[in-house]
Amino acid sequence: MLQGGYASVLQSRSRDDFRDEVVRFTQQLGFSTVSAMVVIDHTLRTSEFVVIDNTPAEFIEAFNDPMAGRRDPVQQHCKRSSVPIIWDRQTYVDSGTGELWEQQAEFGYRTGVALALHLPDGRHFQLAVDREQALPSGSTDLQRLVADLQLFAVCAVDTAMRVLVPEPLRPERPALTPRELEALRWTMEGKTAWELGRILGITERTAVLHLGNAMRKLGCSNKHQAVLKALRLGLIL
């Protein structure tokens, strides 16, 4: 149903699995470093941060410096907007923080793309990829690269919430019945409601009912969206 890294990240069962899939996809996209971060707002002034990354050991202290983060134009953009930011040295110079770029450039952080997904209930997911060489100069190639990253982020966000967030703080997962889950699994395999009925030994009408119930519980408008969301939530594999 989904290609390569998109499907793989949905199936991550642990923090280490998730990190491996994020790093693998990032490197396939042509970037050397990545950070994926979940932010949980507890109050207006208190937030919890959970990060996975492959930051070079020599740069970790500076990378995690909260004072630098408050001045970093990429971080500040992601706090305010869901629009991806494509950044380079000029981004930092224009914001008066050129020295931050000079510091990180020594470790290969010369250009990159970052985006944030701002979710209900004070949840946020940020994905940032970085590299030393310049990004594609052609607008079509650059747009495709950003689109690939956005699609990956959409696939990764629920997995991040499932494997990175402490269990008491995880969003409640919809309670689907075994039949509803079976209906989604076979739909993922491309089966129609009629075929689903034959496989499960039920009528086509009952199969449609199970799919409809699953769609309603997952808040989706069609069965394909429901399958994707169930994958993202780890309800089906």
C-alpha atoms as a PDB file:
ATOM      1  CA  MET A   1       0.000   0.000   0.000  1.00  0.00           C
ATOM      2  CA  LEU A   2       2.731   2.480   0.942  1.00  0.00           C
ATOM      3  CA  GLN A   3       6.236   2.647  -0.429  1.00  0.00           C
ATOM      4  CA  GLY A   4       9.483   1.863   1.393  1.00  0.00           C
ATOM      5  CA  GLY A   5      10.174   4.059   4.369  1.00  0.00           C
ATOM      6  CA  TYR A   6       6.609   5.327   4.585  1.00  0.00           C
ATOM      7  CA  ALA A   7       5.248   1.873   5.391  1.00  0.00           C
ATOM      8  CA  SER A   8       8.223   0.860   7.518  1.00  0.00           C
ATOM      9  CA  VAL A   9       7.956   3.787   9.924  1.00  0.00           C
ATOM     10  CA  LEU A  10       4.295   2.947  10.551  1.00  0.00           C
ATOM     11  CA  GLN A  11       5.310  -0.488  11.765  1.00  0.00           C
ATOM     12  CA  SER A  12       7.932   0.672  14.288  1.00  0.00           C
ATOM     13  CA  ARG A  13       7.308  -1.000  17.621  1.00  0.00           C
ATOM     14  CA  SER A  14       9.889   0.747  19.810  1.00  0.00           C
ATOM     15  CA  ARG A  15      11.888   3.946  20.140  1.00  0.00           C
ATOM     16  CA  ASP A  16      14.957   2.280  18.600  1.00  0.00           C
ATOM     17  CA  ASP A  17      12.938   0.915  15.663  1.00  0.00           C
ATOM     18  CA  PHE A  18      11.479   4.358  15.065  1.00  0.00           C
ATOM     19  CA  ARG A  19      14.870   6.051  15.193  1.00  0.00           C
ATOM     20  CA  ASP A  20      16.342   3.528  12.757  1.00  0.00           C
ATOM     21  CA  GLU A  21      13.517   4.080  10.267  1.00  0.00           C
ATOM     22  CA  VAL A  22      13.741   7.877  10.528  1.00  0.00           C
ATOM     23  CA  VAL A  23      17.518   7.834   9.995  1.00  0.00           C
ATOM     24  CA  ARG A  24      17.217   5.366   7.111  1.00  0.00           C
ATOM     25  CA  PHE A  25      14.601   7.455   5.318  1.00  0.00           C
ATOM     26  CA  THR A  26      16.590  10.638   5.924  1.00  0.00           C
ATOM     27  CA  GLN A  27      19.716   9.166   4.390  1.00  0.00           C
ATOM     28  CA  GLN A  28      17.767   7.826   1.403  1.00  0.00           C
ATOM     29  CA  LEU A  29      16.494  11.365   0.890  1.00  0.00           C
ATOM     30  CA  GLY A  30      20.101  12.620   0.778  1.00  0.00           C
ATOM     31  CA  PHE A  31      20.511  14.094   4.271  1.00  0.00           C
ATOM     32  CA  SER A  32      23.129  13.057   6.805  1.00  0.00           C
ATOM     33  CA  THR A  33      21.500  14.173  10.054  1.00  0.00           C
ATOM     34  CA  VAL A  34      17.956  14.282  11.377  1.00  0.00           C
ATOM     35  CA  SER A  35      16.026  15.096  14.510  1.00  0.00           C
ATOM     36  CA  ALA A  36      12.424  14.123  15.224  1.00  0.00           C
ATOM     37  CA  MET A  37      10.843  15.706  18.265  1.00  0.00           C
ATOM     38  CA  VAL A  38       7.553  15.394  20.101  1.00  0.00           C
ATOM     39  CA  VAL A  39       6.539  18.384  22.215  1.00  0.00           C
ATOM     40  CA  ILE A  40       3.804  18.091  24.845  1.00  0.00           C
ATOM     41  CA  ASP A  41       2.523  21.356  26.278  1.00  0.00           C
ATOM     42  CA  HIS A  42       1.550  20.966  29.933  1.00  0.00           C
ATOM     43  CA  THR A  43       0.965  24.676  30.606  1.00  0.00           C
ATOM     44  CA  LEU A  44       1.684  27.903  28.741  1.00  0.00           C
ATOM     45  CA  ARG A  45       5.172  27.937  30.239  1.00  0.00           C
ATOM     46  CA  THR A  46       5.934  24.236  30.669  1.00  0.00           C
ATOM     47  CA  SER A  47       6.484  21.743  27.869  1.00  0.00           C
ATOM     48  CA  GLU A  48       7.977  18.265  27.651  1.00  0.00           C
ATOM     49  CA  PHE A  49      10.364  17.400  24.814  1.00  0.00           C
ATOM     50  CA  VAL A  50      11.163  13.904  23.543  1.00  0.00           C
ATOM     51  CA  VAL A  51      13.787  13.723  20.789  1.00  0.00           C
ATOM     52  CA  ILE A  52      15.413  11.076  18.637  1.00  0.00           C
ATOM     53  CA  ASP A  53      18.320  12.088  16.427  1.00  0.00           C
ATOM     54  CA  ASN A  54      21.707  11.123  15.033  1.00  0.00           C
ATOM     55  CA  THR A  55      23.492  14.304  16.057  1.00  0.00           C
ATOM     56  CA  PRO A  56      27.312  13.990  16.069  1.00  0.00           C
ATOM     57  CA  ALA A  57      28.582  13.482  19.614  1.00  0.00           C
ATOM     58  CA  GLU A  58      30.811  16.570  19.363  1.00  0.00           C
ATOM     59  CA  PHE A  59      27.774  18.759  18.634  1.00  0.00           C
ATOM     60  CA  ILE A  60      25.251  17.362  21.119  1.00  0.00           C
ATOM     61  CA  GLU A  61      25.850  19.911  23.874  1.00  0.00           C
ATOM     62  CA  ALA A  62      25.402  22.867  21.527  1.00  0.00           C
ATOM     63  CA  PHE A  63      22.495  21.133  19.768  1.00  0.00           C
ATOM     64  CA  ASN A  64      20.627  20.771  23.071  1.00  0.00           C
ATOM     65  CA  ASP A  65      21.380  24.285  24.348  1.00  0.00           C
ATOM     66  CA  PRO A  66      17.950  25.805  25.166  1.00  0.00           C
ATOM     67  CA  MET A  67      19.263  29.374  24.928  1.00  0.00           C
ATOM     68  CA  ALA A  68      20.448  28.754  21.367  1.00  0.00           C
ATOM     69  CA  GLY A  69      17.112  27.157  20.535  1.00  0.00           C
ATOM     70  CA  ARG A  70      15.252  30.296  21.588  1.00  0.00           C
ATOM     71  CA  ARG A  71      17.313  32.302  19.086  1.00  0.00           C
ATOM     72  CA  ASP A  72      17.450  29.751  16.293  1.00  0.00           C
ATOM     73  CA  PRO A  73      15.303  31.051  13.379  1.00  0.00           C
ATOM     74  CA  VAL A  74      14.441  27.535  12.196  1.00  0.00           C
ATOM     75  CA  GLN A  75      13.193  26.498  15.639  1.00  0.00           C
ATOM     76  CA  GLN A  76      11.233  29.702  16.027  1.00  0.00           C
ATOM     77  CA  HIS A  77       9.614  29.270  12.622  1.00  0.00           C
ATOM     78  CA  CYS A  78       8.518  25.730  13.492  1.00  0.00           C
ATOM     79  CA  LYS A  79       7.000  26.917  16.782  1.00  0.00           C
ATOM     80  CA  ARG A  80       4.732  29.321  14.900  1.00  0.00           C
ATOM     81  CA  SER A  81       3.983  27.632  11.591  1.00  0.00           C
ATOM     82  CA  SER A  82       3.191  24.325   9.898  1.00  0.00           C
ATOM     83  CA  VAL A  83       4.703  25.531   6.622  1.00  0.00           C
ATOM     84  CA  PRO A  84       8.070  23.818   5.953  1.00  0.00           C
ATOM     85  CA  ILE A  85      11.133  26.053   6.108  1.00  0.00           C
ATOM     86  CA  ILE A  86      14.052  25.579   3.715  1.00  0.00           C
ATOM     87  CA  TRP A  87      17.053  27.142   5.373  1.00  0.00           C
ATOM     88  CA  ASP A  88      20.705  27.942   4.743  1.00  0.00           C
ATOM     89  CA  ARG A  89      23.305  30.413   5.980  1.00  0.00           C
ATOM     90  CA  GLN A  90      21.283  33.391   4.771  1.00  0.00           C
ATOM     91  CA  THR A  91      18.353  32.382   6.990  1.00  0.00           C
ATOM     92  CA  TYR A  92      20.551  32.844  10.056  1.00  0.00           C
ATOM     93  CA  VAL A  93      22.259  35.992   8.786  1.00  0.00           C
ATOM     94  CA  ASP A  94      18.888  37.635   8.097  1.00  0.00           C
ATOM     95  CA  SER A  95      17.776  36.898  11.671  1.00  0.00           C
ATOM     96  CA  GLY A  96      20.981  38.264  13.181  1.00  0.00           C
ATOM     97  CA  THR A  97      22.159  34.827  14.357  1.00  0.00           C
ATOM     98  CA  GLY A  98      24.900  34.137  11.839  1.00  0.00           C
ATOM     99  CA  GLU A  99      27.199  32.898  14.592  1.00  0.00           C
ATOM    100  CA  LEU A 100      24.794  30.007  15.274  1.00  0.00           C
ATOM    101  CA  TRP A 101      25.112  28.900  11.662  1.00  0.00           C
ATOM    102  CA  GLU A 102      28.908  29.187  11.808  1.00  0.00           C
ATOM    103  CA  GLN A 103      28.940  26.960  14.897  1.00  0.00           C
ATOM    104  CA  GLN A 104      26.741  24.223  13.443  1.00  0.00           C
ATOM    105  CA  ALA A 105      28.272  24.371   9.952  1.00  0.00           C
ATOM    106  CA  GLU A 106      31.460  22.837  11.363  1.00  0.00           C
ATOM    107  CA  PHE A 107      29.469  19.638  11.970  1.00  0.00           C
ATOM    108  CA  GLY A 108      27.733  19.512   8.578  1.00  0.00           C
ATOM    109  CA  TYR A 109      24.642  21.560   9.417  1.00  0.00           C
ATOM    110  CA  ARG A 110      24.859  23.984   6.498  1.00  0.00           C
ATOM    111  CA  THR A 111      21.392  23.688   4.968  1.00  0.00           C
ATOM    112  CA  GLY A 112      18.230  21.691   5.443  1.00  0.00           C
ATOM    113  CA  VAL A 113      14.466  21.460   5.717  1.00  0.00           C
ATOM    114  CA  ALA A 114      12.328  21.521   8.857  1.00  0.00           C
ATOM    115  CA  LEU A 115       8.609  21.287   9.469  1.00  0.00           C
ATOM    116  CA  ALA A 116       6.199  20.966  12.346  1.00  0.00           C
ATOM    117  CA  LEU A 117       2.778  19.386  12.732  1.00  0.00           C
ATOM    118  CA  HIS A 118       0.687  21.112  15.404  1.00  0.00           C
ATOM    119  CA  LEU A 119      -1.886  18.701  16.805  1.00  0.00           C
ATOM    120  CA  PRO A 120      -4.832  18.963  19.222  1.00  0.00           C
ATOM    121  CA  ASP A 121      -4.368  18.910  22.996  1.00  0.00           C
ATOM    122  CA  GLY A 122      -1.017  20.701  22.963  1.00  0.00           C
ATOM    123  CA  ARG A 123       0.848  18.028  20.986  1.00  0.00           C
ATOM    124  CA  HIS A 124       3.445  18.932  18.360  1.00  0.00           C
ATOM    125  CA  PHE A 125       5.725  16.926  16.077  1.00  0.00           C
ATOM    126  CA  GLN A 126       8.816  18.443  14.468  1.00  0.00           C
ATOM    127  CA  LEU A 127      11.023  16.838  11.830  1.00  0.00           C
ATOM    128  CA  ALA A 128      14.283  18.447  10.676  1.00  0.00           C
ATOM    129  CA  VAL A 129      16.835  17.114   8.193  1.00  0.00           C
ATOM    130  CA  ASP A 130      20.237  18.652   7.533  1.00  0.00           C
ATOM    131  CA  ARG A 131      23.245  18.258   5.281  1.00  0.00           C
ATOM    132  CA  GLU A 132      26.462  19.889   4.127  1.00  0.00           C
ATOM    133  CA  GLN A 133      25.932  20.082   0.363  1.00  0.00           C
ATOM    134  CA  ALA A 134      23.536  22.572  -1.227  1.00  0.00           C
ATOM    135  CA  LEU A 135      19.925  21.607  -1.847  1.00  0.00           C
ATOM    136  CA  PRO A 136      18.711  21.031  -5.435  1.00  0.00           C
ATOM    137  CA  SER A 137      18.656  24.278  -7.400  1.00  0.00           C
ATOM    138  CA  GLY A 138      15.724  23.266  -9.603  1.00  0.00           C
ATOM    139  CA  SER A 139      12.341  24.141  -8.143  1.00  0.00           C
ATOM    140  CA  THR A 140      10.764  20.832  -9.220  1.00  0.00           C
ATOM    141  CA  ASP A 141      13.394  18.676  -7.503  1.00  0.00           C
ATOM    142  CA  LEU A 142      13.265  20.805  -4.357  1.00  0.00           C
ATOM    143  CA  GLN A 143       9.468  20.694  -4.230  1.00  0.00           C
ATOM    144  CA  ARG A 144       9.539  16.918  -4.613  1.00  0.00           C
ATOM    145  CA  LEU A 145      12.063  16.618  -1.795  1.00  0.00           C
ATOM    146  CA  VAL A 146       9.935  18.745   0.541  1.00  0.00           C
ATOM    147  CA  ALA A 147       6.796  16.827  -0.430  1.00  0.00           C
ATOM    148  CA  ASP A 148       8.520  13.516   0.371  1.00  0.00           C
ATOM    149  CA  LEU A 149       9.500  14.866   3.773  1.00  0.00           C
ATOM    150  CA  GLN A 150       5.978  16.111   4.474  1.00  0.00           C
ATOM    151  CA  LEU A 151       4.450  12.756   3.570  1.00  0.00           C
ATOM    152  CA  PHE A 152       6.947  10.964   5.774  1.00  0.00           C
ATOM    153  CA  ALA A 153       6.139  13.298   8.681  1.00  0.00           C
ATOM    154  CA  VAL A 154       2.416  12.592   8.303  1.00  0.00           C
ATOM    155  CA  CYS A 155       3.141   8.855   8.374  1.00  0.00           C
ATOM    156  CA  ALA A 156       5.568   9.162  11.297  1.00  0.00           C
ATOM    157  CA  VAL A 157       3.625  11.414  13.651  1.00  0.00           C
ATOM    158  CA  ASP A 158       1.279   8.842  15.195  1.00  0.00           C
ATOM    159  CA  THR A 159       4.113   6.345  15.518  1.00  0.00           C
ATOM    160  CA  ALA A 160       6.120   9.013  17.331  1.00  0.00           C
ATOM    161  CA  MET A 161       3.226   9.622  19.710  1.00  0.00           C
ATOM    162  CA  ARG A 162       2.953   5.880  20.299  1.00  0.00           C
ATOM    163  CA  VAL A 163       6.612   5.021  20.926  1.00  0.00           C
ATOM    164  CA  LEU A 164       8.150   8.262  22.226  1.00  0.00           C
ATOM    165  CA  VAL A 165       5.489   9.686  24.522  1.00  0.00           C
ATOM    166  CA  PRO A 166       5.218   8.225  28.067  1.00  0.00           C
ATOM    167  CA  GLU A 167       2.207   5.916  28.221  1.00  0.00           C
ATOM    168  CA  PRO A 168       0.080   8.056  30.592  1.00  0.00           C
ATOM    169  CA  LEU A 169       0.401  10.987  28.155  1.00  0.00           C
ATOM    170  CA  ARG A 170      -0.349   9.095  24.940  1.00  0.00           C
ATOM    171  CA  PRO A 171      -3.564   9.973  23.085  1.00  0.00           C
ATOM    172  CA  GLU A 172      -6.283   7.428  23.664  1.00  0.00           C
ATOM    173  CA  ARG A 173      -6.483   4.923  20.815  1.00  0.00           C
ATOM    174  CA  PRO A 174      -9.890   4.034  19.355  1.00  0.00           C
ATOM    175  CA  ALA A 175     -11.221   0.679  20.555  1.00  0.00           C
ATOM    176  CA  LEU A 176     -11.932  -1.361  17.423  1.00  0.00           C
ATOM    177  CA  THR A 177     -13.480  -4.817  17.596  1.00  0.00           C
ATOM    178  CA  PRO A 178     -11.612  -7.851  16.224  1.00  0.00           C
ATOM    179  CA  ARG A 179     -14.007  -7.943  13.238  1.00  0.00           C
ATOM    180  CA  GLU A 180     -13.427  -4.267  12.481  1.00  0.00           C
ATOM    181  CA  LEU A 181      -9.665  -4.791  12.589  1.00  0.00           C
ATOM    182  CA  GLU A 182      -9.960  -7.839  10.315  1.00  0.00           C
ATOM    183  CA  ALA A 183     -12.010  -5.783   7.879  1.00  0.00           C
ATOM    184  CA  LEU A 184      -9.313  -3.116   7.773  1.00  0.00           C
ATOM    185  CA  ARG A 185      -6.509  -5.679   7.356  1.00  0.00           C
ATOM    186  CA  TRP A 186      -8.190  -7.272   4.342  1.00  0.00           C
ATOM    187  CA  THR A 187      -9.051  -3.862   2.913  1.00  0.00           C
ATOM    188  CA  MET A 188      -5.345  -3.041   3.161  1.00  0.00           C
ATOM    189  CA  GLU A 189      -4.764  -6.103   0.957  1.00  0.00           C
ATOM    190  CA  GLY A 190      -7.096  -4.636  -1.670  1.00  0.00           C
ATOM    191  CA  LYS A 191     -10.157  -6.775  -0.953  1.00  0.00           C
ATOM    192  CA  THR A 192     -13.634  -5.434  -1.716  1.00  0.00           C
ATOM    193  CA  ALA A 193     -16.525  -5.659   0.729  1.00  0.00           C
ATOM    194  CA  TRP A 194     -17.896  -8.626  -1.230  1.00  0.00           C
ATOM    195  CA  GLU A 195     -14.546 -10.441  -1.049  1.00  0.00           C
ATOM    196  CA  LEU A 196     -14.248  -9.523   2.609  1.00  0.00           C
ATOM    197  CA  GLY A 197     -17.611 -11.139   3.286  1.00  0.00           C
ATOM    198  CA  ARG A 198     -16.529 -14.350   1.573  1.00  0.00           C
ATOM    199  CA  ILE A 199     -13.234 -14.463   3.524  1.00  0.00           C
ATOM    200  CA  LEU A 200     -14.842 -13.807   6.911  1.00  0.00           C
ATOM    201  CA  GLY A 201     -17.986 -15.867   6.292  1.00  0.00           C
ATOM    202  CA  ILE A 202     -20.330 -12.902   6.616  1.00  0.00           C
ATOM    203  CA  THR A 203     -22.625 -11.049   4.231  1.00  0.00           C
ATOM    204  CA  GLU A 204     -21.382  -8.169   2.130  1.00  0.00           C
ATOM    205  CA  ARG A 205     -23.751  -5.876   4.039  1.00  0.00           C
ATOM    206  CA  THR A 206     -22.207  -6.929   7.376  1.00  0.00           C
ATOM    207  CA  ALA A 207     -18.720  -6.380   5.964  1.00  0.00           C
ATOM    208  CA  VAL A 208     -19.715  -2.861   4.938  1.00  0.00           C
ATOM    209  CA  LEU A 209     -21.114  -2.318   8.443  1.00  0.00           C
ATOM    210  CA  HIS A 210     -17.816  -3.344  10.063  1.00  0.00           C
ATOM    211  CA  LEU A 211     -15.873  -1.016   7.760  1.00  0.00           C
ATOM    212  CA  GLY A 212     -18.308   1.814   8.450  1.00  0.00           C
ATOM    213  CA  ASN A 213     -17.947   1.355  12.201  1.00  0.00           C
ATOM    214  CA  ALA A 214     -14.155   1.342  11.894  1.00  0.00           C
ATOM    215  CA  MET A 215     -14.244   4.528   9.798  1.00  0.00           C
ATOM    216  CA  ARG A 216     -16.484   6.255  12.336  1.00  0.00           C
ATOM    217  CA  LYS A 217     -14.323   5.289  15.322  1.00  0.00           C
ATOM    218  CA  LEU A 218     -11.185   6.457  13.526  1.00  0.00           C
ATOM    219  CA  GLY A 219     -12.787   9.708  12.361  1.00  0.00           C
ATOM    220  CA  CYS A 220     -12.196   8.948   8.669  1.00  0.00           C
ATOM    221  CA  SER A 221     -14.386   9.607   5.652  1.00  0.00           C
ATOM    222  CA  ASN A 222     -13.408   6.546   3.609  1.00  0.00           C
ATOM    223  CA  LYS A 223     -11.987   3.070   4.127  1.00  0.00           C
ATOM    224  CA  HIS A 224      -8.562   3.895   2.683  1.00  0.00           C
ATOM    225  CA  GLN A 225      -8.063   6.760   5.139  1.00  0.00           C
ATOM    226  CA  ALA A 226      -9.179   4.398   7.901  1.00  0.00           C
ATOM    227  CA  VAL A 227      -6.575   1.801   6.906  1.00  0.00           C
ATOM    228  CA  LEU A 228      -3.813   4.413   6.870  1.00  0.00           C
ATOM    229  CA  LYS A 229      -4.808   5.808  10.268  1.00  0.00           C
ATOM    230  CA  ALA A 230      -5.039   2.318  11.767  1.00  0.00           C
ATOM    231  CA  LEU A 231      -1.520   1.643  10.477  1.00  0.00           C
ATOM    232  CA  ARG A 232      -0.252   4.909  11.923  1.00  0.00           C
ATOM    233  CA  LEU A 233      -1.788   4.096  15.303  1.00  0.00           C
ATOM    234  CA  GLY A 234      -0.287   0.604  15.294  1.00  0.00           C
ATOM    235  CA  LEU A 235      -3.737  -1.039  15.345  1.00  0.00           C
ATOM    236  CA  ILE A 236      -2.930  -3.193  12.325  1.00  0.00           C
ATOM    237  CA  LEU A 237       0.361  -4.336  10.812  1.00  0.00           C
END
